[in-house]
Amino acid sequence: MKKKYHYVVNVIWSEEDKAYVAHAPELPGCASHGATYESAIKNIQEAIETWIEGAKESGFKIPEPIATKKYSGKFIARVDPKTHRALSIKAETAGKSLNSLVNEILQREIA
């Protein structure tokens, strides 16, 4: 039985190739295609397996899939001082912490 890997897969239609093109962005150079969406998915799964086998043989580090990573909820973002000031003023005016305001803005952006 083949092992299932949980890597992000992007599939798009390529008008130029007249095929669905699939790639696993977490695995550099790992891509495939298919005449149907389903065949592109099947082919990229095989490409992922081949990529991982080759990486193991070469001693190349295999990245942990984003889908299974645990996140702390913290990250540092560097912004222009003017942006920092504007966000701080907006947060203060709204009676919120800077973290709360930025979190709300980011949530709206990714929703």
PDB file of N, CA and C in Angstrom:
ATOM      1  N   MET A   1       0.843  -1.188   0.000  1.00  0.00           N
ATOM      2  CA  MET A   1       0.000   0.000   0.000  1.00  0.00           C
ATOM      3  C   MET A   1       0.886   1.249   0.000  1.00  0.00           C
ATOM      4  N   LYS A   2       0.554   2.189  -0.854  1.00  0.00           N
ATOM      5  CA  LYS A   2       1.336   3.416  -0.955  1.00  0.00           C
ATOM      6  C   LYS A   2       1.052   4.311   0.238  1.00  0.00           C
ATOM      7  N   LYS A   3       2.099   4.996   0.690  1.00  0.00           N
ATOM      8  CA  LYS A   3       1.965   5.922   1.801  1.00  0.00           C
ATOM      9  C   LYS A   3       1.304   7.201   1.307  1.00  0.00           C
ATOM     10  N   LYS A   4       0.412   7.759   2.115  1.00  0.00           N
ATOM     11  CA  LYS A   4      -0.216   9.031   1.769  1.00  0.00           C
ATOM     12  C   LYS A   4       0.587  10.153   2.387  1.00  0.00           C
ATOM     13  N   TYR A   5       0.897  11.144   1.572  1.00  0.00           N
ATOM     14  CA  TYR A   5       1.602  12.326   2.043  1.00  0.00           C
ATOM     15  C   TYR A   5       0.620  13.488   2.050  1.00  0.00           C
ATOM     16  N   HIS A   6       0.789  14.366   2.985  1.00  0.00           N
ATOM     17  CA  HIS A   6      -0.159  15.463   3.164  1.00  0.00           C
ATOM     18  C   HIS A   6       0.454  16.814   2.802  1.00  0.00           C
ATOM     19  N   TYR A   7       0.954  16.905   1.588  1.00  0.00           N
ATOM     20  CA  TYR A   7       1.515  18.164   1.109  1.00  0.00           C
ATOM     21  C   TYR A   7       0.447  18.965   0.371  1.00  0.00           C
ATOM     22  N   VAL A   8       0.594  20.268   0.413  1.00  0.00           N
ATOM     23  CA  VAL A   8      -0.296  21.150  -0.344  1.00  0.00           C
ATOM     24  C   VAL A   8      -0.078  20.876  -1.826  1.00  0.00           C
ATOM     25  N   VAL A   9      -1.167  20.790  -2.568  1.00  0.00           N
ATOM     26  CA  VAL A   9      -1.096  20.588  -4.016  1.00  0.00           C
ATOM     27  C   VAL A   9      -1.945  21.661  -4.677  1.00  0.00           C
ATOM     28  N   ASN A  10      -1.375  22.339  -5.648  1.00  0.00           N
ATOM     29  CA  ASN A  10      -2.108  23.326  -6.446  1.00  0.00           C
ATOM     30  C   ASN A  10      -2.332  22.734  -7.834  1.00  0.00           C
ATOM     31  N   VAL A  11      -3.551  22.840  -8.311  1.00  0.00           N
ATOM     32  CA  VAL A  11      -3.880  22.350  -9.653  1.00  0.00           C
ATOM     33  C   VAL A  11      -4.523  23.494 -10.425  1.00  0.00           C
ATOM     34  N   ILE A  12      -3.977  23.758 -11.604  1.00  0.00           N
ATOM     35  CA  ILE A  12      -4.548  24.802 -12.462  1.00  0.00           C
ATOM     36  C   ILE A  12      -4.680  24.262 -13.885  1.00  0.00           C
ATOM     37  N   TRP A  13      -5.590  24.834 -14.615  1.00  0.00           N
ATOM     38  CA  TRP A  13      -5.738  24.502 -16.030  1.00  0.00           C
ATOM     39  C   TRP A  13      -4.733  25.334 -16.816  1.00  0.00           C
ATOM     40  N   SER A  14      -3.985  24.683 -17.691  1.00  0.00           N
ATOM     41  CA  SER A  14      -3.051  25.388 -18.558  1.00  0.00           C
ATOM     42  C   SER A  14      -3.611  25.384 -19.971  1.00  0.00           C
ATOM     43  N   GLU A  15      -4.035  26.552 -20.415  1.00  0.00           N
ATOM     44  CA  GLU A  15      -4.565  26.665 -21.771  1.00  0.00           C
ATOM     45  C   GLU A  15      -3.464  26.346 -22.786  1.00  0.00           C
ATOM     46  N   GLU A  16      -2.255  26.788 -22.476  1.00  0.00           N
ATOM     47  CA  GLU A  16      -1.118  26.544 -23.364  1.00  0.00           C
ATOM     48  C   GLU A  16      -0.850  25.048 -23.549  1.00  0.00           C
ATOM     49  N   ASP A  17      -0.889  24.294 -22.433  1.00  0.00           N
ATOM     50  CA  ASP A  17      -0.612  22.855 -22.497  1.00  0.00           C
ATOM     51  C   ASP A  17      -1.863  22.015 -22.739  1.00  0.00           C
ATOM     52  N   LYS A  18      -3.021  22.646 -22.630  1.00  0.00           N
ATOM     53  CA  LYS A  18      -4.304  21.940 -22.745  1.00  0.00           C
ATOM     54  C   LYS A  18      -4.340  20.761 -21.771  1.00  0.00           C
ATOM     55  N   ALA A  19      -3.942  21.035 -20.541  1.00  0.00           N
ATOM     56  CA  ALA A  19      -3.885  20.011 -19.500  1.00  0.00           C
ATOM     57  C   ALA A  19      -3.977  20.678 -18.133  1.00  0.00           C
ATOM     58  N   TYR A  20      -4.315  19.879 -17.131  1.00  0.00           N
ATOM     59  CA  TYR A  20      -4.273  20.346 -15.752  1.00  0.00           C
ATOM     60  C   TYR A  20      -2.840  20.167 -15.259  1.00  0.00           C
ATOM     61  N   VAL A  21      -2.289  21.216 -14.697  1.00  0.00           N
ATOM     62  CA  VAL A  21      -0.921  21.176 -14.186  1.00  0.00           C
ATOM     63  C   VAL A  21      -0.995  21.225 -12.667  1.00  0.00           C
ATOM     64  N   ALA A  22      -0.315  20.277 -12.034  1.00  0.00           N
ATOM     65  CA  ALA A  22      -0.321  20.188 -10.574  1.00  0.00           C
ATOM     66  C   ALA A  22       1.097  20.335 -10.060  1.00  0.00           C
ATOM     67  N   HIS A  23       1.237  21.033  -8.951  1.00  0.00           N
ATOM     68  CA  HIS A  23       2.554  21.096  -8.326  1.00  0.00           C
ATOM     69  C   HIS A  23       2.408  21.129  -6.807  1.00  0.00           C
ATOM     70  N   ALA A  24       3.456  20.648  -6.148  1.00  0.00           N
ATOM     71  CA  ALA A  24       3.528  20.636  -4.690  1.00  0.00           C
ATOM     72  C   ALA A  24       4.542  21.706  -4.297  1.00  0.00           C
ATOM     73  N   PRO A  25       4.096  22.914  -3.965  1.00  0.00           N
ATOM     74  CA  PRO A  25       5.021  24.020  -3.744  1.00  0.00           C
ATOM     75  C   PRO A  25       6.016  23.810  -2.597  1.00  0.00           C
ATOM     76  N   GLU A  26       5.706  22.919  -1.675  1.00  0.00           N
ATOM     77  CA  GLU A  26       6.623  22.655  -0.560  1.00  0.00           C
ATOM     78  C   GLU A  26       7.817  21.806  -0.982  1.00  0.00           C
ATOM     79  N   LEU A  27       7.696  21.153  -2.140  1.00  0.00           N
ATOM     80  CA  LEU A  27       8.749  20.270  -2.641  1.00  0.00           C
ATOM     81  C   LEU A  27       9.286  20.865  -3.941  1.00  0.00           C
ATOM     82  N   PRO A  28      10.404  21.557  -3.883  1.00  0.00           N
ATOM     83  CA  PRO A  28      10.920  22.253  -5.066  1.00  0.00           C
ATOM     84  C   PRO A  28      11.010  21.373  -6.313  1.00  0.00           C
ATOM     85  N   GLY A  29      10.396  21.847  -7.386  1.00  0.00           N
ATOM     86  CA  GLY A  29      10.452  21.144  -8.662  1.00  0.00           C
ATOM     87  C   GLY A  29       9.487  19.986  -8.803  1.00  0.00           C
ATOM     88  N   CYS A  30       8.668  19.742  -7.793  1.00  0.00           N
ATOM     89  CA  CYS A  30       7.737  18.606  -7.841  1.00  0.00           C
ATOM     90  C   CYS A  30       6.453  19.034  -8.547  1.00  0.00           C
ATOM     91  N   ALA A  31       6.282  18.554  -9.772  1.00  0.00           N
ATOM     92  CA  ALA A  31       5.116  18.929 -10.573  1.00  0.00           C
ATOM     93  C   ALA A  31       4.731  17.780 -11.494  1.00  0.00           C
ATOM     94  N   SER A  32       3.511  17.848 -11.973  1.00  0.00           N
ATOM     95  CA  SER A  32       3.010  16.841 -12.906  1.00  0.00           C
ATOM     96  C   SER A  32       1.830  17.459 -13.653  1.00  0.00           C
ATOM     97  N   HIS A  33       1.189  16.662 -14.476  1.00  0.00           N
ATOM     98  CA  HIS A  33       0.030  17.160 -15.209  1.00  0.00           C
ATOM     99  C   HIS A  33      -0.884  15.984 -15.545  1.00  0.00           C
ATOM    100  N   GLY A  34      -2.045  16.299 -16.077  1.00  0.00           N
ATOM    101  CA  GLY A  34      -2.984  15.274 -16.500  1.00  0.00           C
ATOM    102  C   GLY A  34      -4.051  15.869 -17.393  1.00  0.00           C
ATOM    103  N   ALA A  35      -4.660  15.022 -18.198  1.00  0.00           N
ATOM    104  CA  ALA A  35      -5.717  15.475 -19.101  1.00  0.00           C
ATOM    105  C   ALA A  35      -6.976  15.864 -18.329  1.00  0.00           C
ATOM    106  N   THR A  36      -7.170  15.257 -17.154  1.00  0.00           N
ATOM    107  CA  THR A  36      -8.302  15.595 -16.301  1.00  0.00           C
ATOM    108  C   THR A  36      -7.770  16.038 -14.946  1.00  0.00           C
ATOM    109  N   TYR A  37      -8.623  16.696 -14.188  1.00  0.00           N
ATOM    110  CA  TYR A  37      -8.253  17.115 -12.837  1.00  0.00           C
ATOM    111  C   TYR A  37      -7.855  15.905 -12.012  1.00  0.00           C
ATOM    112  N   GLU A  38      -8.651  14.855 -12.103  1.00  0.00           N
ATOM    113  CA  GLU A  38      -8.405  13.641 -11.327  1.00  0.00           C
ATOM    114  C   GLU A  38      -7.070  12.996 -11.701  1.00  0.00           C
ATOM    115  N   SER A  39      -6.756  12.961 -12.993  1.00  0.00           N
ATOM    116  CA  SER A  39      -5.481  12.359 -13.397  1.00  0.00           C
ATOM    117  C   SER A  39      -4.302  13.225 -12.956  1.00  0.00           C
ATOM    118  N   ALA A  40      -4.486  14.541 -12.940  1.00  0.00           N
ATOM    119  CA  ALA A  40      -3.418  15.419 -12.449  1.00  0.00           C
ATOM    120  C   ALA A  40      -3.163  15.170 -10.966  1.00  0.00           C
ATOM    121  N   ILE A  41      -4.221  14.964 -10.188  1.00  0.00           N
ATOM    122  CA  ILE A  41      -4.080  14.652  -8.758  1.00  0.00           C
ATOM    123  C   ILE A  41      -3.367  13.321  -8.573  1.00  0.00           C
ATOM    124  N   LYS A  42      -3.776  12.306  -9.317  1.00  0.00           N
ATOM    125  CA  LYS A  42      -3.134  10.994  -9.225  1.00  0.00           C
ATOM    126  C   LYS A  42      -1.652  11.111  -9.594  1.00  0.00           C
ATOM    127  N   ASN A  43      -1.363  11.825 -10.658  1.00  0.00           N
ATOM    128  CA  ASN A  43       0.021  11.959 -11.122  1.00  0.00           C
ATOM    129  C   ASN A  43       0.887  12.755 -10.147  1.00  0.00           C
ATOM    130  N   ILE A  44       0.319  13.786  -9.510  1.00  0.00           N
ATOM    131  CA  ILE A  44       1.134  14.566  -8.567  1.00  0.00           C
ATOM    132  C   ILE A  44       1.409  13.738  -7.314  1.00  0.00           C
ATOM    133  N   GLN A  45       0.470  12.885  -6.919  1.00  0.00           N
ATOM    134  CA  GLN A  45       0.726  12.009  -5.759  1.00  0.00           C
ATOM    135  C   GLN A  45       1.905  11.074  -6.059  1.00  0.00           C
ATOM    136  N   GLU A  46       1.943  10.548  -7.275  1.00  0.00           N
ATOM    137  CA  GLU A  46       3.068   9.699  -7.680  1.00  0.00           C
ATOM    138  C   GLU A  46       4.363  10.514  -7.743  1.00  0.00           C
ATOM    139  N   ALA A  47       4.261  11.757  -8.221  1.00  0.00           N
ATOM    140  CA  ALA A  47       5.442  12.627  -8.292  1.00  0.00           C
ATOM    141  C   ALA A  47       5.961  12.950  -6.889  1.00  0.00           C
ATOM    142  N   ILE A  48       5.055  13.143  -5.944  1.00  0.00           N
ATOM    143  CA  ILE A  48       5.455  13.412  -4.555  1.00  0.00           C
ATOM    144  C   ILE A  48       6.208  12.211  -3.995  1.00  0.00           C
ATOM    145  N   GLU A  49       5.679  11.011  -4.220  1.00  0.00           N
ATOM    146  CA  GLU A  49       6.356   9.792  -3.755  1.00  0.00           C
ATOM    147  C   GLU A  49       7.755   9.681  -4.360  1.00  0.00           C
ATOM    148  N   THR A  50       7.857   9.921  -5.659  1.00  0.00           N
ATOM    149  CA  THR A  50       9.152   9.856  -6.348  1.00  0.00           C
ATOM    150  C   THR A  50      10.098  10.922  -5.814  1.00  0.00           C
ATOM    151  N   TRP A  51       9.601  12.130  -5.589  1.00  0.00           N
ATOM    152  CA  TRP A  51      10.417  13.221  -5.066  1.00  0.00           C
ATOM    153  C   TRP A  51      10.987  12.834  -3.705  1.00  0.00           C
ATOM    154  N   ILE A  52      10.132  12.289  -2.833  1.00  0.00           N
ATOM    155  CA  ILE A  52      10.561  11.922  -1.479  1.00  0.00           C
ATOM    156  C   ILE A  52      11.566  10.780  -1.513  1.00  0.00           C
ATOM    157  N   GLU A  53      11.323   9.774  -2.356  1.00  0.00           N
ATOM    158  CA  GLU A  53      12.287   8.667  -2.497  1.00  0.00           C
ATOM    159  C   GLU A  53      13.651   9.195  -2.945  1.00  0.00           C
ATOM    160  N   GLY A  54      13.653  10.079  -3.944  1.00  0.00           N
ATOM    161  CA  GLY A  54      14.898  10.658  -4.439  1.00  0.00           C
ATOM    162  C   GLY A  54      15.599  11.490  -3.379  1.00  0.00           C
ATOM    163  N   ALA A  55      14.822  12.240  -2.606  1.00  0.00           N
ATOM    164  CA  ALA A  55      15.404  13.066  -1.544  1.00  0.00           C
ATOM    165  C   ALA A  55      16.057  12.187  -0.482  1.00  0.00           C
ATOM    166  N   LYS A  56      15.387  11.092  -0.133  1.00  0.00           N
ATOM    167  CA  LYS A  56      15.955  10.165   0.864  1.00  0.00           C
ATOM    168  C   LYS A  56      17.267   9.582   0.363  1.00  0.00           C
ATOM    169  N   GLU A  57      17.281   9.146  -0.896  1.00  0.00           N
ATOM    170  CA  GLU A  57      18.489   8.555  -1.482  1.00  0.00           C
ATOM    171  C   GLU A  57      19.636   9.560  -1.551  1.00  0.00           C
ATOM    172  N   SER A  58      19.302  10.834  -1.764  1.00  0.00           N
ATOM    173  CA  SER A  58      20.315  11.878  -1.904  1.00  0.00           C
ATOM    174  C   SER A  58      20.706  12.515  -0.575  1.00  0.00           C
ATOM    175  N   GLY A  59      20.002  12.160   0.482  1.00  0.00           N
ATOM    176  CA  GLY A  59      20.263  12.772   1.775  1.00  0.00           C
ATOM    177  C   GLY A  59      19.717  14.181   1.888  1.00  0.00           C
ATOM    178  N   PHE A  60      18.812  14.526   0.991  1.00  0.00           N
ATOM    179  CA  PHE A  60      18.200  15.851   0.980  1.00  0.00           C
ATOM    180  C   PHE A  60      17.131  15.917   2.061  1.00  0.00           C
ATOM    181  N   LYS A  61      17.046  17.043   2.771  1.00  0.00           N
ATOM    182  CA  LYS A  61      16.057  17.211   3.831  1.00  0.00           C
ATOM    183  C   LYS A  61      14.645  17.242   3.243  1.00  0.00           C
ATOM    184  N   ILE A  62      13.778  16.447   3.814  1.00  0.00           N
ATOM    185  CA  ILE A  62      12.384  16.395   3.361  1.00  0.00           C
ATOM    186  C   ILE A  62      11.571  17.312   4.276  1.00  0.00           C
ATOM    187  N   PRO A  63      10.957  18.342   3.712  1.00  0.00           N
ATOM    188  CA  PRO A  63      10.204  19.274   4.556  1.00  0.00           C
ATOM    189  C   PRO A  63       8.957  18.641   5.163  1.00  0.00           C
ATOM    190  N   GLU A  64       8.656  19.061   6.379  1.00  0.00           N
ATOM    191  CA  GLU A  64       7.423  18.622   7.023  1.00  0.00           C
ATOM    192  C   GLU A  64       6.260  19.304   6.301  1.00  0.00           C
ATOM    193  N   PRO A  65       5.193  18.564   6.003  1.00  0.00           N
ATOM    194  CA  PRO A  65       4.052  19.187   5.322  1.00  0.00           C
ATOM    195  C   PRO A  65       3.444  20.313   6.159  1.00  0.00           C
ATOM    196  N   ILE A  66       3.108  21.409   5.517  1.00  0.00           N
ATOM    197  CA  ILE A  66       2.473  22.530   6.198  1.00  0.00           C
ATOM    198  C   ILE A  66       1.201  22.074   6.904  1.00  0.00           C
ATOM    199  N   ALA A  67       0.470  21.169   6.269  1.00  0.00           N
ATOM    200  CA  ALA A  67      -0.816  20.723   6.806  1.00  0.00           C
ATOM    201  C   ALA A  67      -0.697  20.045   8.162  1.00  0.00           C
ATOM    202  N   THR A  68       0.465  19.465   8.476  1.00  0.00           N
ATOM    203  CA  THR A  68       0.615  18.748   9.744  1.00  0.00           C
ATOM    204  C   THR A  68       1.499  19.495  10.747  1.00  0.00           C
ATOM    205  N   LYS A  69       2.021  20.651  10.349  1.00  0.00           N
ATOM    206  CA  LYS A  69       2.848  21.437  11.271  1.00  0.00           C
ATOM    207  C   LYS A  69       1.984  22.016  12.379  1.00  0.00           C
ATOM    208  N   LYS A  70       2.591  22.186  13.522  1.00  0.00           N
ATOM    209  CA  LYS A  70       1.929  22.855  14.647  1.00  0.00           C
ATOM    210  C   LYS A  70       2.450  24.289  14.682  1.00  0.00           C
ATOM    211  N   TYR A  71       1.548  25.233  14.870  1.00  0.00           N
ATOM    212  CA  TYR A  71       1.915  26.637  14.885  1.00  0.00           C
ATOM    213  C   TYR A  71       1.641  27.241  16.257  1.00  0.00           C
ATOM    214  N   SER A  72       2.528  28.120  16.692  1.00  0.00           N
ATOM    215  CA  SER A  72       2.418  28.725  18.022  1.00  0.00           C
ATOM    216  C   SER A  72       1.411  29.873  18.054  1.00  0.00           C
ATOM    217  N   GLY A  73       1.133  30.459  16.911  1.00  0.00           N
ATOM    218  CA  GLY A  73       0.262  31.630  16.880  1.00  0.00           C
ATOM    219  C   GLY A  73       1.055  32.924  17.013  1.00  0.00           C
ATOM    220  N   LYS A  74       2.379  32.817  17.018  1.00  0.00           N
ATOM    221  CA  LYS A  74       3.230  34.005  17.127  1.00  0.00           C
ATOM    222  C   LYS A  74       4.139  34.094  15.911  1.00  0.00           C
ATOM    223  N   PHE A  75       4.320  35.309  15.408  1.00  0.00           N
ATOM    224  CA  PHE A  75       5.328  35.569  14.398  1.00  0.00           C
ATOM    225  C   PHE A  75       5.684  37.047  14.473  1.00  0.00           C
ATOM    226  N   ILE A  76       6.841  37.376  13.980  1.00  0.00           N
ATOM    227  CA  ILE A  76       7.303  38.761  13.990  1.00  0.00           C
ATOM    228  C   ILE A  76       7.160  39.318  12.588  1.00  0.00           C
ATOM    229  N   ALA A  77       6.555  40.487  12.497  1.00  0.00           N
ATOM    230  CA  ALA A  77       6.411  41.150  11.207  1.00  0.00           C
ATOM    231  C   ALA A  77       7.090  42.508  11.292  1.00  0.00           C
ATOM    232  N   ARG A  78       7.961  42.769  10.356  1.00  0.00           N
ATOM    233  CA  ARG A  78       8.614  44.079  10.304  1.00  0.00           C
ATOM    234  C   ARG A  78       7.814  44.960   9.341  1.00  0.00           C
ATOM    235  N   VAL A  79       7.462  46.126   9.825  1.00  0.00           N
ATOM    236  CA  VAL A  79       6.704  47.068   9.004  1.00  0.00           C
ATOM    237  C   VAL A  79       7.390  48.427   9.034  1.00  0.00           C
ATOM    238  N   ASP A  80       7.041  49.250   8.105  1.00  0.00           N
ATOM    239  CA  ASP A  80       7.533  50.620   8.047  1.00  0.00           C
ATOM    240  C   ASP A  80       7.105  51.340   9.335  1.00  0.00           C
ATOM    241  N   PRO A  81       7.967  52.174   9.914  1.00  0.00           N
ATOM    242  CA  PRO A  81       7.595  52.896  11.142  1.00  0.00           C
ATOM    243  C   PRO A  81       6.297  53.699  11.014  1.00  0.00           C
ATOM    244  N   LYS A  82       6.022  54.258   9.837  1.00  0.00           N
ATOM    245  CA  LYS A  82       4.772  55.003   9.640  1.00  0.00           C
ATOM    246  C   LYS A  82       3.565  54.072   9.743  1.00  0.00           C
ATOM    247  N   THR A  83       3.710  52.855   9.205  1.00  0.00           N
ATOM    248  CA  THR A  83       2.625  51.869   9.289  1.00  0.00           C
ATOM    249  C   THR A  83       2.421  51.461  10.743  1.00  0.00           C
ATOM    250  N   HIS A  84       3.508  51.248  11.460  1.00  0.00           N
ATOM    251  CA  HIS A  84       3.434  50.883  12.879  1.00  0.00           C
ATOM    252  C   HIS A  84       2.688  51.970  13.662  1.00  0.00           C
ATOM    253  N   ARG A  85       3.044  53.215  13.397  1.00  0.00           N
ATOM    254  CA  ARG A  85       2.401  54.342  14.088  1.00  0.00           C
ATOM    255  C   ARG A  85       0.912  54.389  13.754  1.00  0.00           C
ATOM    256  N   ALA A  86       0.586  54.281  12.468  1.00  0.00           N
ATOM    257  CA  ALA A  86      -0.820  54.347  12.044  1.00  0.00           C
ATOM    258  C   ALA A  86      -1.644  53.220  12.664  1.00  0.00           C
ATOM    259  N   LEU A  87      -1.079  52.023  12.698  1.00  0.00           N
ATOM    260  CA  LEU A  87      -1.784  50.890  13.308  1.00  0.00           C
ATOM    261  C   LEU A  87      -1.968  51.106  14.806  1.00  0.00           C
ATOM    262  N   SER A  88      -0.944  51.617  15.460  1.00  0.00           N
ATOM    263  CA  SER A  88      -1.024  51.869  16.904  1.00  0.00           C
ATOM    264  C   SER A  88      -2.102  52.905  17.221  1.00  0.00           C
ATOM    265  N   ILE A  89      -2.156  53.962  16.419  1.00  0.00           N
ATOM    266  CA  ILE A  89      -3.182  54.999  16.622  1.00  0.00           C
ATOM    267  C   ILE A  89      -4.573  54.422  16.389  1.00  0.00           C
ATOM    268  N   LYS A  90      -4.723  53.650  15.318  1.00  0.00           N
ATOM    269  CA  LYS A  90      -6.024  53.039  15.009  1.00  0.00           C
ATOM    270  C   LYS A  90      -6.460  52.103  16.129  1.00  0.00           C
ATOM    271  N   ALA A  91      -5.522  51.296  16.658  1.00  0.00           N
ATOM    272  CA  ALA A  91      -5.835  50.367  17.751  1.00  0.00           C
ATOM    273  C   ALA A  91      -6.259  51.136  19.000  1.00  0.00           C
ATOM    274  N   GLU A  92      -5.502  52.169  19.333  1.00  0.00           N
ATOM    275  CA  GLU A  92      -5.812  52.983  20.529  1.00  0.00           C
ATOM    276  C   GLU A  92      -7.179  53.634  20.390  1.00  0.00           C
ATOM    277  N   THR A  93      -7.444  54.181  19.230  1.00  0.00           N
ATOM    278  CA  THR A  93      -8.728  54.844  18.963  1.00  0.00           C
ATOM    279  C   THR A  93      -9.892  53.854  19.078  1.00  0.00           C
ATOM    280  N   ALA A  94      -9.657  52.615  18.655  1.00  0.00           N
ATOM    281  CA  ALA A  94     -10.706  51.587  18.702  1.00  0.00           C
ATOM    282  C   ALA A  94     -10.781  50.901  20.061  1.00  0.00           C
ATOM    283  N   GLY A  95      -9.852  51.255  20.973  1.00  0.00           N
ATOM    284  CA  GLY A  95      -9.851  50.633  22.303  1.00  0.00           C
ATOM    285  C   GLY A  95      -9.386  49.186  22.267  1.00  0.00           C
ATOM    286  N   LYS A  96      -8.486  48.894  21.332  1.00  0.00           N
ATOM    287  CA  LYS A  96      -7.990  47.524  21.165  1.00  0.00           C
ATOM    288  C   LYS A  96      -6.475  47.516  21.314  1.00  0.00           C
ATOM    289  N   SER A  97      -5.952  46.334  21.557  1.00  0.00           N
ATOM    290  CA  SER A  97      -4.498  46.200  21.542  1.00  0.00           C
ATOM    291  C   SER A  97      -4.038  46.159  20.091  1.00  0.00           C
ATOM    292  N   LEU A  98      -2.790  46.491  19.884  1.00  0.00           N
ATOM    293  CA  LEU A  98      -2.227  46.422  18.538  1.00  0.00           C
ATOM    294  C   LEU A  98      -2.339  44.996  17.994  1.00  0.00           C
ATOM    295  N   ASN A  99      -2.038  43.997  18.825  1.00  0.00           N
ATOM    296  CA  ASN A  99      -2.146  42.601  18.393  1.00  0.00           C
ATOM    297  C   ASN A  99      -3.557  42.249  17.947  1.00  0.00           C
ATOM    298  N   SER A 100      -4.562  42.676  18.724  1.00  0.00           N
ATOM    299  CA  SER A 100      -5.961  42.383  18.363  1.00  0.00           C
ATOM    300  C   SER A 100      -6.336  43.009  17.033  1.00  0.00           C
ATOM    301  N   LEU A 101      -5.943  44.261  16.848  1.00  0.00           N
ATOM    302  CA  LEU A 101      -6.270  44.951  15.603  1.00  0.00           C
ATOM    303  C   LEU A 101      -5.624  44.262  14.405  1.00  0.00           C
ATOM    304  N   VAL A 102      -4.327  43.975  14.514  1.00  0.00           N
ATOM    305  CA  VAL A 102      -3.618  43.333  13.401  1.00  0.00           C
ATOM    306  C   VAL A 102      -4.217  41.954  13.129  1.00  0.00           C
ATOM    307  N   ASN A 103      -4.552  41.209  14.182  1.00  0.00           N
ATOM    308  CA  ASN A 103      -5.173  39.897  13.994  1.00  0.00           C
ATOM    309  C   ASN A 103      -6.492  40.018  13.239  1.00  0.00           C
ATOM    310  N   GLU A 104      -7.320  41.010  13.586  1.00  0.00           N
ATOM    311  CA  GLU A 104      -8.592  41.225  12.886  1.00  0.00           C
ATOM    312  C   GLU A 104      -8.356  41.552  11.409  1.00  0.00           C
ATOM    313  N   ILE A 105      -7.388  42.409  11.139  1.00  0.00           N
ATOM    314  CA  ILE A 105      -7.081  42.783   9.754  1.00  0.00           C
ATOM    315  C   ILE A 105      -6.628  41.555   8.961  1.00  0.00           C
ATOM    316  N   LEU A 106      -5.755  40.765   9.547  1.00  0.00           N
ATOM    317  CA  LEU A 106      -5.270  39.562   8.861  1.00  0.00           C
ATOM    318  C   LEU A 106      -6.394  38.549   8.643  1.00  0.00           C
ATOM    319  N   GLN A 107      -7.252  38.380   9.632  1.00  0.00           N
ATOM    320  CA  GLN A 107      -8.390  37.460   9.488  1.00  0.00           C
ATOM    321  C   GLN A 107      -9.294  37.883   8.337  1.00  0.00           C
ATOM    322  N   ARG A 108      -9.567  39.168   8.222  1.00  0.00           N
ATOM    323  CA  ARG A 108     -10.405  39.665   7.117  1.00  0.00           C
ATOM    324  C   ARG A 108      -9.721  39.402   5.777  1.00  0.00           C
ATOM    325  N   GLU A 109      -8.410  39.564   5.733  1.00  0.00           N
ATOM    326  CA  GLU A 109      -7.670  39.414   4.490  1.00  0.00           C
ATOM    327  C   GLU A 109      -7.669  37.963   3.983  1.00  0.00           C
ATOM    328  N   ILE A 110      -7.592  37.011   4.897  1.00  0.00           N
ATOM    329  CA  ILE A 110      -7.506  35.607   4.461  1.00  0.00           C
ATOM    330  C   ILE A 110      -8.862  34.924   4.383  1.00  0.00           C
ATOM    331  N   ALA A 111      -9.896  35.586   4.849  1.00  0.00           N
ATOM    332  CA  ALA A 111     -11.241  34.984   4.825  1.00  0.00           C
ATOM    333  C   ALA A 111     -11.792  34.922   3.423  1.00  0.00           C
TER     334      ALA A 111
END
